[in-house]
Amino acid sequence: MRHELGGRTVTYEAPDPHAFFAPLAPVMGEQATAAIADRYRAVSTQPDHSITAERSAQKLLGVPPPPRTAGQWLADIDL
């Protein structure tokens, strides 16, 4: 998956869910780990599974944005 972000091309390749969750098997068990991985794989096949800014929990719950970073604050005051 390729996106343009801030004038830069960003490439993302989703890991295989079973490989990603495999390290959890000793703690959660093989069956639970496989079920979680299967769920992630199923969701990834849905056409509208990404979270947009308009559908984010922050927006839906009315949570204010995080405070500015020091760099953002300095830029805002032209330093």
Protein backbone atom coordinates (compact mmCIF):
# COMPACT_ATOMS: atom_id res chain seq x y z
CA MET A 1 0.00 0.00 0.00
CA ARG A 2 1.44 3.39 -1.02
CA HIS A 3 0.31 6.81 0.17
CA GLU A 4 1.48 10.36 -0.23
CA LEU A 5 2.03 11.92 3.17
CA GLY A 6 3.45 15.39 3.61
CA GLY A 7 5.02 15.35 0.16
CA ARG A 8 6.65 11.98 0.80
CA THR A 9 5.68 8.54 -0.46
CA VAL A 10 4.98 6.13 2.38
CA THR A 11 4.79 2.40 1.70
CA TYR A 12 3.12 -0.02 4.09
CA GLU A 13 3.05 -3.78 3.85
CA ALA A 14 0.75 -5.50 6.31
CA PRO A 15 2.34 -8.44 8.12
CA ASP A 16 0.72 -11.87 8.04
CA PRO A 17 -1.57 -11.92 11.12
CA HIS A 18 -0.58 -15.47 12.08
CA ALA A 19 3.14 -14.61 12.01
CA PHE A 20 2.51 -11.32 13.82
CA PHE A 21 0.58 -12.91 16.70
CA ALA A 22 2.67 -16.12 16.94
CA PRO A 23 4.82 -14.76 19.83
CA LEU A 24 1.65 -14.52 21.95
CA ALA A 25 0.93 -18.26 21.69
CA PRO A 26 2.99 -19.27 24.76
CA VAL A 27 0.99 -16.81 26.89
CA MET A 28 -2.47 -16.98 25.34
CA GLY A 29 -2.46 -20.45 23.85
CA GLU A 30 -2.45 -21.59 20.24
CA GLN A 31 -6.23 -21.57 19.86
CA ALA A 32 -6.74 -18.02 21.17
CA THR A 33 -3.82 -16.69 19.14
CA ALA A 34 -5.14 -18.32 15.95
CA ALA A 35 -8.63 -16.90 16.60
CA ILE A 36 -7.24 -13.37 16.99
CA ALA A 37 -5.16 -13.72 13.85
CA ASP A 38 -8.15 -15.08 11.92
CA ARG A 39 -10.22 -12.08 13.03
CA TYR A 40 -7.55 -9.63 11.88
CA ARG A 41 -7.31 -11.44 8.55
CA ALA A 42 -11.12 -11.29 8.10
CA VAL A 43 -11.27 -7.57 8.93
CA SER A 44 -8.46 -6.84 6.47
CA THR A 45 -10.64 -8.16 3.63
CA GLN A 46 -13.40 -5.63 4.29
CA PRO A 47 -13.48 -2.68 1.88
CA ASP A 48 -13.87 0.00 4.59
CA HIS A 49 -11.78 -1.23 7.51
CA SER A 50 -9.47 1.75 7.89
CA ILE A 51 -10.07 4.45 10.48
CA THR A 52 -10.34 7.88 8.96
CA ALA A 53 -10.11 11.13 10.92
CA GLU A 54 -13.90 11.46 10.70
CA ARG A 55 -14.44 7.95 12.11
CA SER A 56 -11.74 8.11 14.78
CA ALA A 57 -12.57 7.47 18.42
CA GLN A 58 -11.11 10.89 19.21
CA LYS A 59 -13.63 12.58 16.91
CA LEU A 60 -16.60 10.37 17.84
CA LEU A 61 -15.99 10.76 21.58
CA GLY A 62 -15.23 14.48 21.36
CA VAL A 63 -11.74 14.10 22.83
CA PRO A 64 -9.63 17.21 22.19
CA PRO A 65 -6.45 16.80 20.17
CA PRO A 66 -3.22 16.20 22.07
CA PRO A 67 -1.20 19.26 23.06
CA ARG A 68 1.24 20.66 20.55
CA THR A 69 4.78 19.41 20.53
CA ALA A 70 7.56 21.83 21.42
CA GLY A 71 8.46 22.01 17.72
CA GLN A 72 4.87 22.86 16.76
CA TRP A 73 4.68 25.52 19.47
CA LEU A 74 7.94 27.12 18.32
CA ALA A 75 6.76 27.08 14.70
CA ASP A 76 3.47 28.69 15.75
CA ILE A 77 5.34 31.58 17.36
CA ASP A 78 7.68 31.85 14.35
CA LEU A 79 10.86 30.61 16.06
